[in-house]
Amino acid sequence: MEATAKNFIIYISSITASLSYCYFISSKLPKGIYRFISLFPIIYLFTILPLHCTSIFTTAITFSFTTWLTNFKLIRFAFDLDHSPFHPSHSLLKFITIASLPIKPKTTHPTLPNRFRFTLVFQLLIFSILVKLVLTYKHHIHHNIIMVVYCGLLFLIIDIVADVSNNLLFLLTGLELEPSSDQPYLATSLQDFWGRWNLMVTNTLRHTVYKPVRSVFSNYKWAPLAGVIVSFVVSGLMHELFVYELSREEPTWEMTWFFVIHGVCVVVEMVVKRCLVGGRWRLPEFIARLLTVGFVAATGMWLFFPPLIKNRLDVRILEEYTSVTNFVKVKFLTL
């Protein structure tokens, strides 16, 4: 725990110092290549920052919040892509907050509803039960069932981390944040699923990859399709880097192929919808949801989870979670 606390201090200090540099120095340069060059050392620092973490969990959080989201926001800031959401006219605190947090602030009046707290407690309870189930009975349960449990754990951990961040931010600043996902299990198509899953990543890729690519090929009808493909490829490469920084092992490229396949399938789906009576024909909702979730789960079992399992990252993550919860229980009981 001492090492984790030390890493946290280093992380916060690095983020604060780096984004202060962006606020006071880079923002004075005109948007474009010169501002990007000034930001490149910060982007590089944020890319290698997770390699200095001592646990799987802190590495994952640092990568997700900083290497991915903040770096992409800095790219957006460098070129002011689609009107970057954080601006030098903001206060330094607001600039750092919006640049480093995983989710954009809501525009509505902030509140902290009881349902928000209840949902977090319920998610933690379900997550703990599933973790206990996997660690205790993993060798006695069919491999495919474990994979299904992992799908649930992945969905829960993203929501839990986002909800904890939301609560902390509300207590510190009074801001309420957008949800991390929008019920992706109710998606009726792959396009719908990826529009609901991990909303901040989706939003970031939309502004930094999809829209610029579509703009470059704006004279062609297939420009939106190119934007989708490139967005999924970039997402795959970022996930590949994520696994590397967690495991420090040579990439297997399974993660990349997972997202490439989904990108191609989304493009095919878009073309088919467009051809079938202008997109008005639809499968019954129940069947569409079943096929969508089934496809995501099947491809996830095939390509997404194997790199995590081969390096025992799944077990190490669950064991770290158990250690932390046990530590919190002991401290709570001694109060």
Protein backbone atom coordinates (compact mmCIF):
# COMPACT_ATOMS: atom_id res chain seq x y z
CA MET A 1 0.00 0.00 0.00
CA GLU A 2 2.92 2.35 0.67
CA ALA A 3 4.19 1.80 -2.89
CA THR A 4 0.69 2.53 -4.22
CA ALA A 5 0.50 5.75 -2.20
CA LYS A 6 3.92 6.79 -3.49
CA ASN A 7 2.85 6.09 -7.08
CA PHE A 8 -0.32 8.11 -6.53
CA ILE A 9 1.69 11.13 -5.36
CA ILE A 10 4.03 10.82 -8.36
CA TYR A 11 1.04 10.47 -10.68
CA ILE A 12 -0.78 13.53 -9.33
CA SER A 13 2.41 15.60 -9.33
CA SER A 14 3.24 14.60 -12.91
CA ILE A 15 -0.26 15.36 -14.14
CA THR A 16 -0.39 18.72 -12.37
CA ALA A 17 3.05 19.86 -13.53
CA SER A 18 2.57 18.64 -17.11
CA LEU A 19 -0.87 20.16 -17.60
CA SER A 20 0.29 23.41 -15.98
CA TYR A 21 2.99 23.53 -18.67
CA CYS A 22 0.29 22.98 -21.31
CA TYR A 23 -1.79 25.77 -19.77
CA PHE A 24 0.97 28.36 -19.42
CA ILE A 25 3.28 27.50 -22.34
CA SER A 26 1.63 25.42 -25.08
CA SER A 27 -1.60 27.39 -25.03
CA LYS A 28 0.31 30.54 -26.00
CA LEU A 29 1.28 28.96 -29.32
CA PRO A 30 -1.13 29.01 -32.28
CA LYS A 31 -3.10 25.82 -32.79
CA GLY A 32 -1.51 23.40 -35.22
CA ILE A 33 1.82 21.70 -35.66
CA TYR A 34 3.82 24.06 -33.41
CA ARG A 35 1.48 23.59 -30.47
CA PHE A 36 1.54 19.82 -31.10
CA ILE A 37 5.38 19.80 -31.06
CA SER A 38 5.33 21.64 -27.73
CA LEU A 39 2.92 19.03 -26.36
CA PHE A 40 4.81 16.02 -27.69
CA PRO A 41 7.10 15.65 -24.60
CA ILE A 42 4.00 15.61 -22.39
CA ILE A 43 2.29 13.03 -24.60
CA TYR A 44 5.43 10.87 -24.43
CA LEU A 45 5.60 11.24 -20.63
CA PHE A 46 1.94 10.26 -20.27
CA THR A 47 2.57 7.23 -22.52
CA ILE A 48 5.41 5.81 -20.38
CA LEU A 49 3.90 6.85 -17.03
CA PRO A 50 2.04 3.52 -16.51
CA LEU A 51 5.34 1.62 -16.86
CA HIS A 52 6.43 3.09 -13.52
CA CYS A 53 3.39 1.76 -11.64
CA THR A 54 3.92 -1.20 -9.31
CA SER A 55 0.52 -2.88 -9.55
CA ILE A 56 -1.78 -4.05 -12.33
CA PHE A 57 -4.66 -1.91 -11.10
CA THR A 58 -2.73 1.37 -10.89
CA THR A 59 -1.16 0.65 -14.28
CA ALA A 60 -4.61 0.11 -15.80
CA ILE A 61 -6.04 3.28 -14.24
CA THR A 62 -3.04 5.40 -15.23
CA PHE A 63 -3.14 4.11 -18.80
CA SER A 64 -6.90 4.56 -19.16
CA PHE A 65 -7.07 8.05 -17.69
CA THR A 66 -3.76 9.48 -18.89
CA THR A 67 -2.08 7.54 -21.70
CA TRP A 68 -5.35 7.19 -23.54
CA LEU A 69 -7.89 9.87 -22.65
CA THR A 70 -5.66 12.77 -21.64
CA ASN A 71 -3.21 12.21 -24.51
CA PHE A 72 -6.06 12.19 -27.03
CA LYS A 73 -7.48 15.33 -25.44
CA LEU A 74 -4.07 16.96 -25.81
CA ILE A 75 -4.04 16.05 -29.51
CA ARG A 76 -7.50 17.56 -29.77
CA PHE A 77 -6.23 20.63 -27.90
CA ALA A 78 -3.17 20.92 -30.17
CA PHE A 79 -5.26 21.27 -33.31
CA ASP A 80 -8.46 22.53 -31.62
CA LEU A 81 -10.33 19.63 -33.20
CA ASP A 82 -14.06 20.28 -33.19
CA HIS A 83 -13.55 23.02 -30.60
CA SER A 84 -11.51 21.39 -27.86
CA PRO A 85 -13.55 21.22 -24.60
CA PHE A 86 -10.82 22.74 -22.44
CA HIS A 87 -9.43 26.17 -23.23
CA PRO A 88 -6.76 28.53 -21.85
CA SER A 89 -9.51 30.99 -20.95
CA HIS A 90 -10.56 28.55 -18.22
CA SER A 91 -8.94 28.67 -14.82
CA LEU A 92 -5.91 26.42 -14.32
CA LEU A 93 -7.92 24.12 -12.02
CA LYS A 94 -10.73 23.75 -14.54
CA PHE A 95 -8.23 23.20 -17.37
CA ILE A 96 -6.48 20.39 -15.43
CA THR A 97 -9.76 18.87 -14.27
CA ILE A 98 -11.35 18.64 -17.72
CA ALA A 99 -8.09 17.49 -19.35
CA SER A 100 -7.35 14.71 -16.86
CA LEU A 101 -10.78 13.33 -15.97
CA PRO A 102 -12.19 10.39 -17.94
CA ILE A 103 -15.64 11.85 -18.52
CA LYS A 104 -16.88 15.24 -19.63
CA PRO A 105 -18.95 17.34 -17.19
CA LYS A 106 -22.71 17.48 -17.56
CA THR A 107 -24.34 20.73 -18.51
CA THR A 108 -27.23 20.23 -16.10
CA HIS A 109 -27.34 21.46 -12.51
CA PRO A 110 -25.20 19.10 -10.40
CA THR A 111 -26.82 16.83 -7.86
CA LEU A 112 -25.73 13.62 -6.17
CA PRO A 113 -28.84 11.43 -6.16
CA ASN A 114 -29.22 8.54 -3.76
CA ARG A 115 -29.69 6.27 -6.78
CA PHE A 116 -26.11 7.13 -7.80
CA ARG A 117 -24.75 5.90 -4.45
CA PHE A 118 -27.02 2.85 -4.45
CA THR A 119 -25.90 1.86 -7.93
CA LEU A 120 -22.23 2.05 -6.93
CA VAL A 121 -22.76 -0.09 -3.82
CA PHE A 122 -24.76 -2.63 -5.82
CA GLN A 123 -22.07 -2.79 -8.53
CA LEU A 124 -19.33 -3.31 -5.93
CA LEU A 125 -21.35 -6.11 -4.33
CA ILE A 126 -21.92 -7.93 -7.63
CA PHE A 127 -18.30 -7.40 -8.65
CA SER A 128 -17.04 -8.84 -5.35
CA ILE A 129 -19.28 -11.89 -5.65
CA LEU A 130 -18.08 -12.59 -9.21
CA VAL A 131 -14.42 -12.13 -8.21
CA LYS A 132 -14.87 -14.59 -5.32
CA LEU A 133 -16.58 -17.03 -7.67
CA VAL A 134 -13.75 -16.92 -10.22
CA LEU A 135 -10.89 -17.14 -7.71
CA THR A 136 -12.50 -19.99 -5.77
CA TYR A 137 -14.03 -22.13 -8.50
CA LYS A 138 -12.14 -21.17 -11.67
CA HIS A 139 -10.70 -24.66 -12.15
CA HIS A 140 -14.08 -26.32 -11.62
CA ILE A 141 -16.14 -24.17 -14.01
CA HIS A 142 -16.22 -24.49 -17.78
CA HIS A 143 -13.87 -22.09 -19.56
CA ASN A 144 -16.68 -20.44 -21.56
CA ILE A 145 -18.64 -19.67 -18.40
CA ILE A 146 -15.55 -17.96 -16.96
CA MET A 147 -15.32 -15.92 -20.15
CA VAL A 148 -18.94 -14.80 -19.73
CA VAL A 149 -18.17 -13.80 -16.14
CA TYR A 150 -15.17 -11.81 -17.40
CA CYS A 151 -17.48 -9.94 -19.79
CA GLY A 152 -19.60 -8.94 -16.80
CA LEU A 153 -16.54 -7.98 -14.74
CA LEU A 154 -15.20 -5.79 -17.55
CA PHE A 155 -18.49 -3.91 -17.81
CA LEU A 156 -18.68 -3.50 -14.03
CA ILE A 157 -15.09 -2.33 -13.50
CA ILE A 158 -15.45 0.45 -16.08
CA ASP A 159 -18.64 1.66 -14.41
CA ILE A 160 -17.21 1.34 -10.89
CA VAL A 161 -14.05 3.32 -11.66
CA ALA A 162 -16.12 6.00 -13.42
CA ASP A 163 -18.66 6.16 -10.56
CA VAL A 164 -15.95 6.44 -7.89
CA SER A 165 -14.32 9.24 -9.91
CA ASN A 166 -17.71 10.91 -10.25
CA ASN A 167 -18.35 10.80 -6.51
CA LEU A 168 -14.91 12.15 -5.66
CA LEU A 169 -15.20 14.94 -8.20
CA PHE A 170 -18.64 15.91 -6.94
CA LEU A 171 -17.36 16.13 -3.36
CA LEU A 172 -14.39 18.26 -4.47
CA THR A 173 -15.94 20.51 -7.10
CA GLY A 174 -19.72 20.00 -7.10
CA LEU A 175 -19.65 18.75 -10.70
CA GLU A 176 -21.73 15.79 -11.82
CA LEU A 177 -20.39 13.73 -14.71
CA GLU A 178 -21.87 11.82 -17.60
CA PRO A 179 -22.25 8.02 -17.18
CA SER A 180 -19.45 5.84 -18.54
CA SER A 181 -21.80 3.68 -20.62
CA ASP A 182 -25.40 3.73 -21.81
CA GLN A 183 -26.73 0.21 -21.24
CA PRO A 184 -24.71 -1.46 -24.04
CA TYR A 185 -26.42 -4.80 -23.28
CA LEU A 186 -29.58 -3.29 -24.82
CA ALA A 187 -27.86 -2.51 -28.13
CA THR A 188 -29.70 -3.73 -31.21
CA SER A 189 -26.70 -3.54 -33.57
CA LEU A 190 -22.92 -3.34 -33.43
CA GLN A 191 -23.07 0.33 -34.39
CA ASP A 192 -25.50 0.87 -31.53
CA PHE A 193 -23.32 -1.13 -29.12
CA TRP A 194 -20.16 0.87 -29.78
CA GLY A 195 -22.17 4.06 -29.51
CA ARG A 196 -23.23 3.02 -26.00
CA TRP A 197 -20.01 1.40 -24.71
CA ASN A 198 -17.34 3.44 -22.87
CA LEU A 199 -18.79 6.78 -23.93
CA MET A 200 -15.75 8.95 -23.22
CA VAL A 201 -13.45 6.78 -25.34
CA THR A 202 -16.07 6.80 -28.09
CA ASN A 203 -16.36 10.58 -27.86
CA THR A 204 -12.57 11.00 -27.88
CA LEU A 205 -12.12 8.81 -30.95
CA ARG A 206 -14.97 10.62 -32.69
CA HIS A 207 -13.25 14.00 -32.33
CA THR A 208 -9.60 13.00 -32.78
CA VAL A 209 -9.87 10.24 -35.40
CA TYR A 210 -13.29 9.81 -37.01
CA LYS A 211 -14.07 13.44 -37.86
CA PRO A 212 -10.56 14.33 -39.14
CA VAL A 213 -10.48 11.21 -41.37
CA ARG A 214 -13.97 11.91 -42.66
CA SER A 215 -12.92 15.51 -43.37
CA VAL A 216 -9.84 14.40 -45.33
CA PHE A 217 -11.99 12.20 -47.59
CA SER A 218 -15.00 14.53 -47.57
CA ASN A 219 -15.28 14.41 -51.37
CA TYR A 220 -15.97 10.68 -51.29
CA LYS A 221 -19.21 8.95 -50.28
CA TRP A 222 -17.28 6.35 -48.32
CA ALA A 223 -15.63 8.98 -46.07
CA PRO A 224 -17.72 8.00 -42.98
CA LEU A 225 -16.81 4.34 -43.51
CA ALA A 226 -13.10 5.20 -43.65
CA GLY A 227 -13.50 7.17 -40.42
CA VAL A 228 -15.08 4.17 -38.71
CA ILE A 229 -12.38 1.74 -39.86
CA VAL A 230 -9.50 4.01 -38.84
CA SER A 231 -11.15 4.68 -35.46
CA PHE A 232 -11.39 0.96 -34.71
CA VAL A 233 -7.80 0.38 -35.85
CA VAL A 234 -6.55 3.14 -33.54
CA SER A 235 -8.64 1.70 -30.70
CA GLY A 236 -7.14 -1.74 -31.34
CA LEU A 237 -3.59 -0.40 -31.28
CA MET A 238 -4.27 1.48 -28.04
CA HIS A 239 -5.66 -1.69 -26.46
CA GLU A 240 -2.57 -3.56 -27.66
CA LEU A 241 -0.38 -0.96 -25.95
CA PHE A 242 -2.57 -1.29 -22.86
CA VAL A 243 -1.95 -5.05 -22.64
CA TYR A 244 1.78 -4.53 -23.22
CA GLU A 245 2.06 -2.01 -20.39
CA LEU A 246 0.17 -4.35 -18.09
CA SER A 247 2.13 -7.49 -18.94
CA ARG A 248 5.45 -6.12 -20.32
CA GLU A 249 5.21 -9.00 -22.81
CA GLU A 250 5.56 -8.93 -26.61
CA PRO A 251 2.22 -8.08 -28.31
CA THR A 252 0.18 -10.92 -29.79
CA TRP A 253 -2.02 -8.53 -31.84
CA GLU A 254 -5.19 -10.38 -30.86
CA MET A 255 -6.58 -7.19 -29.33
CA THR A 256 -5.93 -5.29 -32.53
CA TRP A 257 -7.67 -7.95 -34.61
CA PHE A 258 -10.67 -7.88 -32.26
CA PHE A 259 -11.23 -4.20 -33.02
CA VAL A 260 -10.37 -4.50 -36.71
CA ILE A 261 -12.99 -7.24 -37.10
CA HIS A 262 -15.56 -5.15 -35.27
CA GLY A 263 -14.70 -2.12 -37.38
CA VAL A 264 -15.19 -4.10 -40.59
CA CYS A 265 -18.46 -5.58 -39.29
CA VAL A 266 -19.78 -2.14 -38.31
CA VAL A 267 -18.98 -0.85 -41.80
CA VAL A 268 -20.71 -3.86 -43.40
CA GLU A 269 -23.69 -3.29 -41.11
CA MET A 270 -23.88 0.39 -42.12
CA VAL A 271 -23.76 -0.48 -45.82
CA VAL A 272 -26.39 -3.21 -45.48
CA LYS A 273 -28.73 -0.91 -43.54
CA ARG A 274 -28.33 1.76 -46.18
CA CYS A 275 -29.13 -0.70 -48.96
CA LEU A 276 -32.19 -2.23 -47.27
CA VAL A 277 -34.89 0.31 -48.02
CA GLY A 278 -32.84 3.24 -46.79
CA GLY A 279 -32.20 1.65 -43.41
CA ARG A 280 -35.88 1.37 -42.43
CA TRP A 281 -35.91 -2.43 -42.21
CA ARG A 282 -35.11 -3.76 -38.75
CA LEU A 283 -34.91 -7.14 -37.03
CA PRO A 284 -37.17 -7.67 -34.01
CA GLU A 285 -35.52 -6.00 -31.00
CA PHE A 286 -35.10 -9.20 -28.96
CA ILE A 287 -33.36 -11.03 -31.80
CA ALA A 288 -31.23 -7.98 -32.67
CA ARG A 289 -30.07 -7.63 -29.06
CA LEU A 290 -29.35 -11.33 -28.76
CA LEU A 291 -27.29 -11.37 -31.96
CA THR A 292 -25.41 -8.19 -31.03
CA VAL A 293 -24.47 -9.19 -27.48
CA GLY A 294 -23.76 -12.75 -28.64
CA PHE A 295 -21.37 -11.54 -31.35
CA VAL A 296 -19.54 -9.19 -28.97
CA ALA A 297 -19.22 -11.94 -26.34
CA ALA A 298 -18.10 -14.59 -28.84
CA THR A 299 -15.43 -12.40 -30.45
CA GLY A 300 -14.36 -11.24 -26.99
CA MET A 301 -13.82 -14.84 -25.87
CA TRP A 302 -11.91 -15.53 -29.08
CA LEU A 303 -9.63 -12.48 -29.26
CA PHE A 304 -10.13 -9.95 -26.44
CA PHE A 305 -9.64 -12.01 -23.28
CA PRO A 306 -6.94 -14.55 -24.35
CA PRO A 307 -4.05 -12.00 -24.15
CA LEU A 308 -5.16 -11.17 -20.60
CA ILE A 309 -5.40 -14.82 -19.60
CA LYS A 310 -2.11 -15.93 -21.21
CA ASN A 311 -0.16 -13.52 -19.02
CA ARG A 312 -2.29 -14.30 -15.93
CA LEU A 313 -3.34 -10.66 -15.87
CA ASP A 314 -6.90 -11.74 -15.07
CA VAL A 315 -5.83 -13.58 -11.92
CA ARG A 316 -3.43 -10.84 -10.83
CA ILE A 317 -6.10 -8.16 -11.20
CA LEU A 318 -8.63 -10.16 -9.19
CA GLU A 319 -6.07 -10.97 -6.50
CA GLU A 320 -5.13 -7.29 -6.20
CA TYR A 321 -8.79 -6.36 -5.87
CA THR A 322 -9.20 -8.96 -3.11
CA SER A 323 -6.10 -7.66 -1.29
CA VAL A 324 -7.36 -4.09 -1.39
CA THR A 325 -10.85 -5.02 -0.14
CA ASN A 326 -9.33 -7.10 2.67
CA PHE A 327 -7.08 -4.18 3.62
CA VAL A 328 -10.07 -1.82 3.72
CA LYS A 329 -12.05 -4.31 5.82
CA VAL A 330 -9.24 -4.61 8.36
CA LYS A 331 -8.83 -0.85 8.62
CA PHE A 332 -12.60 -0.37 8.94
CA LEU A 333 -12.91 -2.98 11.69
CA THR A 334 -10.04 -1.44 13.67
CA LEU A 335 -11.67 2.00 13.74
